[in-house]
């Protein structure tokens, strides 16, 4: 993917996953405008609607978008709170009903600023595959330079809860 981005000489790319169903309209131009205006962000997406955050966690909001909350002082993947908004939107109740402490990078559908994305480097091939996915390793590096925004409205459904339809399985990435 990195070479393709360099070859195309584009400023932005919209990443899709195999296992998402879009249920609402959106404009990619809104994401591009935000990424142009706010250089601390490298991604604006549609995969996480606004949450019912507890009083002690209040993410920054910019219009119809909110900044992904990540606490580097908490353990990775720990449950920060039960996410009532996501619980309503889930087809199958599971881990995604809790808001986990995850660095702000994601491979979920959204718009990436190419220069910022490329500045993080390659996806690693030497990470500990028993304890981490490539997305998380990249996210840790990403969160040291950039943040991510998500549209507040519910736009997509993740169909990958059945392991046979998971993007990781469909692309032999487990």
N, C-alpha and C. Protein backbone atom coordinates (compact mmCIF):
# COMPACT_ATOMS: atom_id res chain seq x y z
N UNK A 1 0.82 -1.19 0.00
CA UNK A 1 0.00 0.00 0.00
C UNK A 1 0.87 1.26 0.00
N UNK A 2 1.94 1.23 0.75
CA UNK A 2 2.82 2.39 0.86
C UNK A 2 3.33 2.83 -0.51
N UNK A 3 3.80 1.88 -1.29
CA UNK A 3 4.34 2.21 -2.62
C UNK A 3 3.26 2.80 -3.51
N UNK A 4 2.04 2.25 -3.43
CA UNK A 4 0.93 2.78 -4.24
C UNK A 4 0.62 4.22 -3.87
N UNK A 5 0.66 4.52 -2.58
CA UNK A 5 0.38 5.89 -2.15
C UNK A 5 1.45 6.85 -2.66
N UNK A 6 2.69 6.42 -2.61
CA UNK A 6 3.79 7.26 -3.10
C UNK A 6 3.66 7.45 -4.61
N UNK A 7 3.36 6.37 -5.34
CA UNK A 7 3.24 6.43 -6.80
C UNK A 7 2.09 7.32 -7.27
N UNK A 8 0.98 7.31 -6.54
CA UNK A 8 -0.18 8.08 -6.99
C UNK A 8 -0.05 9.56 -6.70
N UNK A 9 0.85 9.93 -5.81
CA UNK A 9 1.08 11.34 -5.49
C UNK A 9 -0.23 12.05 -5.11
N UNK A 10 -1.02 11.39 -4.26
CA UNK A 10 -2.29 11.95 -3.81
C UNK A 10 -2.15 12.49 -2.40
N UNK A 11 -3.02 13.38 -2.02
CA UNK A 11 -2.97 13.97 -0.68
C UNK A 11 -3.76 13.17 0.36
N UNK A 12 -4.79 12.44 -0.09
CA UNK A 12 -5.67 11.72 0.82
C UNK A 12 -6.03 10.36 0.23
N UNK A 13 -6.35 9.42 1.10
CA UNK A 13 -6.93 8.16 0.63
C UNK A 13 -8.02 7.73 1.60
N UNK A 14 -9.04 7.07 1.04
CA UNK A 14 -10.15 6.56 1.82
C UNK A 14 -9.97 5.06 1.94
N UNK A 15 -9.83 4.59 3.16
CA UNK A 15 -9.60 3.17 3.41
C UNK A 15 -10.93 2.47 3.69
N UNK A 16 -11.12 1.33 3.06
CA UNK A 16 -12.30 0.50 3.28
C UNK A 16 -11.88 -0.84 3.85
N UNK A 17 -12.79 -1.49 4.51
CA UNK A 17 -12.59 -2.87 4.94
C UNK A 17 -13.65 -3.73 4.27
N UNK A 18 -13.36 -5.01 4.14
CA UNK A 18 -14.26 -5.94 3.48
C UNK A 18 -15.53 -6.20 4.28
N UNK A 19 -15.51 -5.94 5.57
CA UNK A 19 -16.60 -6.40 6.43
C UNK A 19 -17.44 -5.28 7.04
N UNK A 20 -17.65 -4.19 6.30
CA UNK A 20 -18.49 -3.10 6.78
C UNK A 20 -19.64 -2.84 5.83
N UNK A 21 -20.80 -2.53 6.38
CA UNK A 21 -21.98 -2.17 5.62
C UNK A 21 -22.28 -0.70 5.92
N UNK A 22 -22.33 0.13 4.89
CA UNK A 22 -22.63 1.54 5.06
C UNK A 22 -24.15 1.72 5.11
N UNK A 23 -24.64 2.42 6.15
CA UNK A 23 -26.07 2.57 6.36
C UNK A 23 -26.51 4.03 6.31
N UNK A 24 -25.59 4.95 6.04
CA UNK A 24 -25.93 6.37 5.98
C UNK A 24 -24.97 7.05 5.00
N UNK A 25 -25.40 8.16 4.45
CA UNK A 25 -24.57 8.92 3.52
C UNK A 25 -23.58 9.79 4.28
N UNK A 26 -22.48 10.08 3.65
CA UNK A 26 -21.48 10.99 4.22
C UNK A 26 -20.70 11.62 3.07
N UNK A 27 -19.95 12.67 3.39
CA UNK A 27 -19.13 13.34 2.40
C UNK A 27 -17.66 13.25 2.82
N UNK A 28 -16.87 12.65 1.98
CA UNK A 28 -15.44 12.56 2.26
C UNK A 28 -14.83 13.96 2.31
N UNK A 29 -15.39 14.89 1.58
CA UNK A 29 -14.87 16.26 1.57
C UNK A 29 -14.89 16.88 2.97
N UNK A 30 -15.85 16.49 3.82
CA UNK A 30 -15.87 16.99 5.20
C UNK A 30 -14.60 16.56 5.93
N UNK A 31 -14.22 15.30 5.74
CA UNK A 31 -13.01 14.79 6.38
C UNK A 31 -11.77 15.54 5.87
N UNK A 32 -11.70 15.72 4.57
CA UNK A 32 -10.54 16.40 3.98
C UNK A 32 -10.43 17.82 4.51
N UNK A 33 -11.55 18.52 4.60
CA UNK A 33 -11.53 19.89 5.14
C UNK A 33 -11.00 19.92 6.57
N UNK A 34 -11.42 18.96 7.39
CA UNK A 34 -10.93 18.90 8.77
C UNK A 34 -9.43 18.61 8.82
N UNK A 35 -8.98 17.65 8.01
CA UNK A 35 -7.56 17.29 8.02
C UNK A 35 -6.70 18.43 7.49
N UNK A 36 -7.22 19.24 6.61
CA UNK A 36 -6.50 20.42 6.13
C UNK A 36 -6.38 21.47 7.23
N UNK A 37 -7.47 21.69 7.93
CA UNK A 37 -7.52 22.75 8.94
C UNK A 37 -6.78 22.39 10.24
N UNK A 38 -6.86 21.12 10.65
CA UNK A 38 -6.30 20.69 11.93
C UNK A 38 -5.17 19.69 11.68
N UNK A 39 -3.95 20.17 11.68
CA UNK A 39 -2.80 19.34 11.30
C UNK A 39 -2.38 18.32 12.36
N UNK A 40 -2.96 18.38 13.55
CA UNK A 40 -2.64 17.38 14.58
C UNK A 40 -3.37 16.06 14.32
N UNK A 41 -4.29 16.06 13.35
CA UNK A 41 -5.04 14.85 13.01
C UNK A 41 -4.55 14.29 11.68
N UNK A 42 -4.50 12.97 11.60
CA UNK A 42 -4.09 12.32 10.37
C UNK A 42 -5.18 11.46 9.77
N UNK A 43 -6.30 11.32 10.49
CA UNK A 43 -7.39 10.44 10.06
C UNK A 43 -8.72 11.02 10.54
N UNK A 44 -9.73 10.92 9.68
CA UNK A 44 -11.11 11.25 10.06
C UNK A 44 -11.99 10.14 9.51
N UNK A 45 -12.74 9.50 10.39
CA UNK A 45 -13.47 8.31 9.98
C UNK A 45 -14.94 8.30 10.33
N UNK A 46 -15.57 7.19 9.92
CA UNK A 46 -17.01 7.02 10.09
C UNK A 46 -17.37 5.76 10.87
N UNK A 47 -16.39 5.07 11.41
CA UNK A 47 -16.63 3.76 12.01
C UNK A 47 -16.98 3.80 13.50
N UNK A 48 -16.90 4.95 14.12
CA UNK A 48 -17.18 5.04 15.56
C UNK A 48 -18.08 6.24 15.80
N UNK A 49 -19.35 6.02 16.10
CA UNK A 49 -20.23 7.13 16.42
C UNK A 49 -19.92 7.64 17.83
N UNK A 50 -20.49 8.77 18.18
CA UNK A 50 -20.19 9.39 19.47
C UNK A 50 -20.64 8.49 20.60
N UNK A 51 -19.89 8.50 21.67
CA UNK A 51 -20.13 7.62 22.82
C UNK A 51 -20.78 8.39 23.97
N UNK A 52 -21.35 7.65 24.87
CA UNK A 52 -21.84 8.24 26.11
C UNK A 52 -20.70 8.13 27.12
N UNK A 53 -19.81 9.12 27.08
CA UNK A 53 -18.59 9.10 27.89
C UNK A 53 -18.92 9.38 29.35
N UNK A 54 -18.19 8.72 30.26
CA UNK A 54 -18.35 9.04 31.69
C UNK A 54 -17.84 10.46 31.96
N UNK A 55 -18.24 11.02 33.06
CA UNK A 55 -17.89 12.41 33.40
C UNK A 55 -16.38 12.67 33.38
N UNK A 56 -15.56 11.69 33.77
CA UNK A 56 -14.11 11.92 33.86
C UNK A 56 -13.40 11.81 32.50
N UNK A 57 -14.14 11.44 31.45
CA UNK A 57 -13.55 11.35 30.12
C UNK A 57 -14.39 12.22 29.18
N UNK A 58 -13.82 13.30 28.73
CA UNK A 58 -14.52 14.20 27.82
C UNK A 58 -13.62 14.49 26.62
N UNK A 59 -13.85 13.80 25.51
CA UNK A 59 -13.00 14.04 24.34
C UNK A 59 -13.30 15.40 23.70
N UNK A 60 -12.32 15.91 23.00
CA UNK A 60 -12.48 17.15 22.26
C UNK A 60 -13.49 16.93 21.13
N UNK A 61 -14.31 17.93 20.88
CA UNK A 61 -15.28 17.88 19.80
C UNK A 61 -15.02 19.01 18.83
N UNK A 62 -15.11 18.70 17.54
CA UNK A 62 -14.97 19.70 16.49
C UNK A 62 -16.18 19.54 15.58
N UNK A 63 -17.18 20.40 15.74
CA UNK A 63 -18.39 20.29 14.95
C UNK A 63 -19.05 18.94 15.12
N UNK A 64 -19.24 18.21 14.02
CA UNK A 64 -19.88 16.90 14.04
C UNK A 64 -18.89 15.76 14.27
N UNK A 65 -17.68 16.06 14.70
CA UNK A 65 -16.64 15.05 14.91
C UNK A 65 -16.16 15.08 16.35
N UNK A 66 -15.61 13.97 16.78
CA UNK A 66 -15.02 13.88 18.12
C UNK A 66 -13.65 13.21 18.01
N UNK A 67 -12.77 13.60 18.92
CA UNK A 67 -11.40 13.07 18.93
C UNK A 67 -11.36 11.76 19.71
N UNK A 68 -10.76 10.75 19.11
CA UNK A 68 -10.61 9.46 19.77
C UNK A 68 -9.87 9.65 21.09
N UNK A 69 -10.41 9.07 22.15
CA UNK A 69 -9.78 9.18 23.47
C UNK A 69 -8.86 8.00 23.71
N UNK A 70 -7.60 8.31 24.03
CA UNK A 70 -6.61 7.29 24.37
C UNK A 70 -5.81 7.80 25.56
N UNK A 71 -5.65 6.98 26.58
CA UNK A 71 -4.91 7.35 27.78
C UNK A 71 -3.64 6.51 27.84
N UNK A 72 -2.52 7.13 27.49
CA UNK A 72 -1.25 6.39 27.45
C UNK A 72 -0.79 5.93 28.83
N UNK A 73 -1.43 6.40 29.89
CA UNK A 73 -1.08 5.97 31.25
C UNK A 73 -1.86 4.74 31.70
N UNK A 74 -2.81 4.31 30.88
CA UNK A 74 -3.59 3.10 31.16
C UNK A 74 -3.04 1.95 30.31
N UNK A 75 -3.25 0.71 30.71
CA UNK A 75 -2.79 -0.43 29.89
C UNK A 75 -3.51 -0.46 28.54
N UNK A 76 -2.79 -0.90 27.51
CA UNK A 76 -3.40 -1.08 26.19
C UNK A 76 -4.54 -2.08 26.29
N UNK A 77 -5.60 -1.81 25.57
CA UNK A 77 -6.77 -2.69 25.46
C UNK A 77 -7.57 -2.86 26.75
N UNK A 78 -7.26 -2.10 27.79
CA UNK A 78 -8.09 -2.24 29.00
C UNK A 78 -9.44 -1.57 28.74
N UNK A 79 -10.46 -2.07 29.41
CA UNK A 79 -11.80 -1.51 29.27
C UNK A 79 -11.89 -0.22 30.07
N UNK A 80 -12.21 0.88 29.39
CA UNK A 80 -12.33 2.16 30.08
C UNK A 80 -13.74 2.42 30.57
N UNK A 81 -14.75 1.96 29.81
CA UNK A 81 -16.14 2.07 30.24
C UNK A 81 -17.04 1.27 29.31
N UNK A 82 -18.25 0.95 29.80
CA UNK A 82 -19.24 0.28 28.98
C UNK A 82 -19.81 1.33 28.03
N UNK A 83 -19.75 1.06 26.75
CA UNK A 83 -20.18 2.01 25.73
C UNK A 83 -21.62 1.72 25.34
N UNK A 84 -22.54 2.43 25.98
CA UNK A 84 -23.97 2.19 25.75
C UNK A 84 -24.37 2.48 24.31
N UNK A 85 -23.74 3.46 23.67
CA UNK A 85 -24.07 3.79 22.28
C UNK A 85 -23.73 2.62 21.36
N UNK A 86 -22.54 2.06 21.51
CA UNK A 86 -22.14 0.94 20.67
C UNK A 86 -22.93 -0.32 20.99
N UNK A 87 -23.31 -0.50 22.24
CA UNK A 87 -24.08 -1.68 22.62
C UNK A 87 -25.40 -1.73 21.86
N UNK A 88 -26.02 -0.59 21.64
CA UNK A 88 -27.28 -0.52 20.90
C UNK A 88 -27.06 -0.87 19.43
N UNK A 89 -25.88 -0.54 18.90
CA UNK A 89 -25.60 -0.71 17.47
C UNK A 89 -25.02 -2.08 17.12
N UNK A 90 -24.75 -2.92 18.09
CA UNK A 90 -24.11 -4.21 17.82
C UNK A 90 -25.10 -5.26 17.37
N UNK A 91 -24.69 -6.04 16.39
CA UNK A 91 -25.49 -7.17 15.95
C UNK A 91 -25.34 -8.31 16.96
N UNK A 92 -24.11 -8.54 17.39
CA UNK A 92 -23.80 -9.59 18.35
C UNK A 92 -23.06 -8.94 19.52
N UNK A 93 -23.58 -9.02 20.74
CA UNK A 93 -22.89 -8.42 21.88
C UNK A 93 -21.49 -9.03 22.04
N UNK A 94 -20.50 -8.18 22.21
CA UNK A 94 -19.13 -8.67 22.37
C UNK A 94 -18.24 -7.58 22.96
N UNK A 95 -16.94 -7.73 22.79
CA UNK A 95 -15.96 -6.80 23.34
C UNK A 95 -16.17 -5.37 22.88
N UNK A 96 -16.72 -5.16 21.67
CA UNK A 96 -16.86 -3.81 21.14
C UNK A 96 -17.93 -3.01 21.84
N UNK A 97 -18.61 -3.59 22.82
CA UNK A 97 -19.57 -2.85 23.62
C UNK A 97 -18.86 -2.06 24.72
N UNK A 98 -17.59 -2.32 24.91
CA UNK A 98 -16.81 -1.54 25.86
C UNK A 98 -15.86 -0.64 25.08
N UNK A 99 -15.56 0.50 25.65
CA UNK A 99 -14.60 1.42 25.04
C UNK A 99 -13.23 1.01 25.57
N UNK A 100 -12.40 0.50 24.68
CA UNK A 100 -11.09 0.02 25.11
C UNK A 100 -10.04 1.10 24.89
N UNK A 101 -8.99 1.02 25.67
CA UNK A 101 -7.89 1.98 25.56
C UNK A 101 -6.99 1.57 24.41
N UNK A 102 -7.23 2.16 23.27
CA UNK A 102 -6.53 1.83 22.02
C UNK A 102 -5.96 3.11 21.43
N UNK A 103 -4.69 3.11 21.02
CA UNK A 103 -4.15 4.30 20.35
C UNK A 103 -5.03 4.68 19.16
N UNK A 104 -5.01 5.92 18.77
CA UNK A 104 -6.04 6.45 17.88
C UNK A 104 -5.98 6.03 16.42
N UNK A 105 -4.99 5.26 15.98
CA UNK A 105 -4.97 4.81 14.59
C UNK A 105 -5.91 3.63 14.40
N UNK A 106 -6.54 3.57 13.23
CA UNK A 106 -7.40 2.46 12.91
C UNK A 106 -7.38 2.17 11.42
N UNK A 107 -7.66 0.92 11.07
CA UNK A 107 -7.82 0.53 9.68
C UNK A 107 -9.30 0.51 9.28
N UNK A 108 -10.13 1.08 10.10
CA UNK A 108 -11.57 1.13 9.81
C UNK A 108 -11.83 2.21 8.76
N UNK A 109 -12.99 2.16 8.10
CA UNK A 109 -13.29 3.10 7.02
C UNK A 109 -13.14 4.56 7.43
N UNK A 110 -12.37 5.29 6.64
CA UNK A 110 -12.15 6.70 6.89
C UNK A 110 -11.10 7.27 5.96
N UNK A 111 -10.88 8.56 6.09
CA UNK A 111 -9.96 9.30 5.24
C UNK A 111 -8.64 9.53 5.96
N UNK A 112 -7.55 9.18 5.31
CA UNK A 112 -6.20 9.39 5.85
C UNK A 112 -5.50 10.50 5.07
N UNK A 113 -4.74 11.30 5.77
CA UNK A 113 -3.86 12.27 5.14
C UNK A 113 -2.59 11.51 4.76
N UNK A 114 -2.28 11.43 3.48
CA UNK A 114 -1.21 10.56 3.00
C UNK A 114 0.15 10.91 3.60
N UNK A 115 0.54 12.16 3.58
CA UNK A 115 1.86 12.54 4.09
C UNK A 115 2.01 12.17 5.56
N UNK A 116 0.98 12.40 6.34
CA UNK A 116 1.02 12.06 7.77
C UNK A 116 1.07 10.54 7.96
N UNK A 117 0.27 9.84 7.17
CA UNK A 117 0.27 8.38 7.23
C UNK A 117 1.65 7.82 6.90
N UNK A 118 2.24 8.29 5.82
CA UNK A 118 3.55 7.78 5.39
C UNK A 118 4.66 8.14 6.38
N UNK A 119 4.49 9.24 7.11
CA UNK A 119 5.53 9.67 8.06
C UNK A 119 5.71 8.70 9.22
N UNK A 120 4.77 7.81 9.45
CA UNK A 120 4.86 6.85 10.56
C UNK A 120 5.80 5.70 10.20
N UNK A 121 5.97 5.45 8.91
CA UNK A 121 6.84 4.36 8.48
C UNK A 121 6.04 3.16 8.01
N UNK A 122 6.74 2.07 7.82
CA UNK A 122 6.12 0.83 7.34
C UNK A 122 5.33 0.15 8.45
N UNK A 123 4.35 -0.67 8.05
CA UNK A 123 3.74 -1.58 9.01
C UNK A 123 4.81 -2.62 9.36
N UNK A 124 4.95 -2.91 10.62
CA UNK A 124 6.00 -3.82 11.07
C UNK A 124 5.71 -5.26 10.68
N UNK A 125 6.77 -6.00 10.42
CA UNK A 125 6.64 -7.44 10.20
C UNK A 125 7.36 -8.21 11.31
N UNK A 126 7.91 -7.49 12.28
CA UNK A 126 8.69 -8.14 13.33
C UNK A 126 8.03 -8.03 14.72
N UNK A 127 6.78 -7.60 14.78
CA UNK A 127 6.10 -7.48 16.07
C UNK A 127 5.77 -8.86 16.63
N UNK A 128 5.43 -8.93 17.90
CA UNK A 128 5.09 -10.18 18.58
C UNK A 128 3.68 -10.60 18.18
N UNK A 129 3.56 -11.50 17.21
CA UNK A 129 2.26 -11.90 16.67
C UNK A 129 1.39 -12.63 17.68
N UNK A 130 1.96 -13.14 18.74
CA UNK A 130 1.16 -13.82 19.76
C UNK A 130 0.45 -12.83 20.67
N UNK A 131 0.95 -11.61 20.75
CA UNK A 131 0.40 -10.64 21.68
C UNK A 131 -0.12 -9.36 21.03
N UNK A 132 0.03 -9.22 19.71
CA UNK A 132 -0.33 -7.95 19.08
C UNK A 132 -0.62 -8.16 17.59
N UNK A 133 -1.52 -7.35 17.07
CA UNK A 133 -1.77 -7.33 15.63
C UNK A 133 -0.97 -6.18 15.02
N UNK A 134 -0.73 -6.26 13.73
CA UNK A 134 0.04 -5.22 13.06
C UNK A 134 -0.61 -3.85 13.20
N UNK A 135 -1.93 -3.82 13.24
CA UNK A 135 -2.63 -2.55 13.38
C UNK A 135 -2.30 -1.88 14.72
N UNK A 136 -2.21 -2.64 15.79
CA UNK A 136 -1.92 -2.08 17.10
C UNK A 136 -0.49 -1.58 17.17
N UNK A 137 0.45 -2.32 16.62
CA UNK A 137 1.85 -1.88 16.63
C UNK A 137 1.98 -0.54 15.92
N UNK A 138 1.33 -0.40 14.77
CA UNK A 138 1.36 0.86 14.01
C UNK A 138 0.65 1.96 14.80
N UNK A 139 -0.46 1.62 15.47
CA UNK A 139 -1.23 2.60 16.24
C UNK A 139 -0.41 3.20 17.38
N UNK A 140 0.42 2.41 18.00
CA UNK A 140 1.26 2.92 19.09
C UNK A 140 2.20 3.99 18.55
N UNK A 141 2.81 3.73 17.40
CA UNK A 141 3.70 4.73 16.79
C UNK A 141 2.90 5.95 16.32
N UNK A 142 1.73 5.71 15.73
CA UNK A 142 0.86 6.78 15.22
C UNK A 142 0.50 7.76 16.34
N UNK A 143 0.11 7.22 17.49
CA UNK A 143 -0.40 8.06 18.58
C UNK A 143 0.66 8.99 19.16
N UNK A 144 1.91 8.75 18.84
CA UNK A 144 2.98 9.65 19.30
C UNK A 144 3.09 10.90 18.44
N UNK A 145 2.46 10.87 17.24
CA UNK A 145 2.54 12.02 16.33
C UNK A 145 1.17 12.62 15.99
N UNK A 146 0.14 11.78 15.89
CA UNK A 146 -1.15 12.24 15.39
C UNK A 146 -2.31 11.71 16.22
N UNK A 147 -3.47 12.32 15.98
CA UNK A 147 -4.72 11.90 16.60
C UNK A 147 -5.71 11.58 15.49
N UNK A 148 -6.84 11.03 15.88
CA UNK A 148 -7.89 10.67 14.92
C UNK A 148 -9.22 11.27 15.33
N UNK A 149 -10.02 11.57 14.33
CA UNK A 149 -11.37 12.08 14.52
C UNK A 149 -12.38 11.08 13.97
N UNK A 150 -13.57 11.07 14.57
CA UNK A 150 -14.66 10.25 14.08
C UNK A 150 -15.93 11.08 14.01
N UNK A 151 -16.74 10.82 12.98
CA UNK A 151 -18.02 11.50 12.86
C UNK A 151 -18.93 11.02 13.99
N UNK A 152 -19.71 11.92 14.54
CA UNK A 152 -20.57 11.57 15.67
C UNK A 152 -21.73 10.66 15.29
N UNK A 153 -22.19 10.75 14.05
CA UNK A 153 -23.36 9.99 13.63
C UNK A 153 -22.99 8.55 13.29
N UNK A 154 -23.94 7.67 13.45
CA UNK A 154 -23.77 6.24 13.14
C UNK A 154 -23.86 6.06 11.62
N UNK A 155 -22.78 5.57 10.99
CA UNK A 155 -22.72 5.43 9.54
C UNK A 155 -22.58 4.00 9.03
N UNK A 156 -21.95 3.13 9.78
CA UNK A 156 -21.64 1.80 9.26
C UNK A 156 -21.83 0.72 10.32
N UNK A 157 -22.02 -0.50 9.84
CA UNK A 157 -22.15 -1.67 10.71
C UNK A 157 -20.98 -2.60 10.39
N UNK A 158 -20.32 -3.06 11.43
CA UNK A 158 -19.24 -4.03 11.26
C UNK A 158 -19.85 -5.42 11.17
N UNK A 159 -19.67 -6.07 10.02
CA UNK A 159 -20.21 -7.41 9.80
C UNK A 159 -19.23 -8.50 10.21
N UNK A 160 -18.04 -8.11 10.66
CA UNK A 160 -16.97 -9.06 10.94
C UNK A 160 -17.06 -9.77 12.27
N UNK A 161 -18.21 -9.72 12.94
CA UNK A 161 -18.32 -10.42 14.21
C UNK A 161 -18.37 -11.92 14.02
N UNK A 162 -18.83 -12.34 12.87
CA UNK A 162 -18.74 -13.75 12.50
C UNK A 162 -17.34 -13.92 11.93
N UNK A 163 -16.54 -14.77 12.51
CA UNK A 163 -15.14 -14.88 12.10
C UNK A 163 -14.98 -15.19 10.62
N UNK A 164 -15.97 -15.80 9.99
CA UNK A 164 -15.85 -16.11 8.56
C UNK A 164 -15.94 -14.86 7.70
N UNK A 165 -16.51 -13.76 8.25
CA UNK A 165 -16.62 -12.52 7.48
C UNK A 165 -15.68 -11.43 7.97
N UNK A 166 -14.82 -11.74 8.92
CA UNK A 166 -13.86 -10.77 9.42
C UNK A 166 -12.84 -10.41 8.33
N UNK A 167 -12.53 -9.11 8.21
CA UNK A 167 -11.55 -8.67 7.22
C UNK A 167 -10.19 -9.35 7.46
N UNK A 168 -9.84 -9.59 8.71
CA UNK A 168 -8.58 -10.27 9.00
C UNK A 168 -8.58 -11.69 8.40
N UNK A 169 -9.68 -12.40 8.57
CA UNK A 169 -9.78 -13.76 8.04
C UNK A 169 -9.93 -13.77 6.51
N UNK A 170 -10.73 -12.86 5.98
CA UNK A 170 -10.93 -12.82 4.54
C UNK A 170 -9.61 -12.57 3.80
N UNK A 171 -8.69 -11.86 4.46
CA UNK A 171 -7.42 -11.52 3.82
C UNK A 171 -6.25 -12.30 4.39
N UNK A 172 -6.54 -13.39 5.12
CA UNK A 172 -5.50 -14.25 5.69
C UNK A 172 -4.47 -13.49 6.52
N UNK A 173 -4.97 -12.63 7.41
CA UNK A 173 -4.08 -11.78 8.22
C UNK A 173 -4.09 -12.16 9.70
N UNK A 174 -4.73 -13.21 10.09
CA UNK A 174 -4.76 -13.59 11.50
C UNK A 174 -3.42 -14.16 11.93
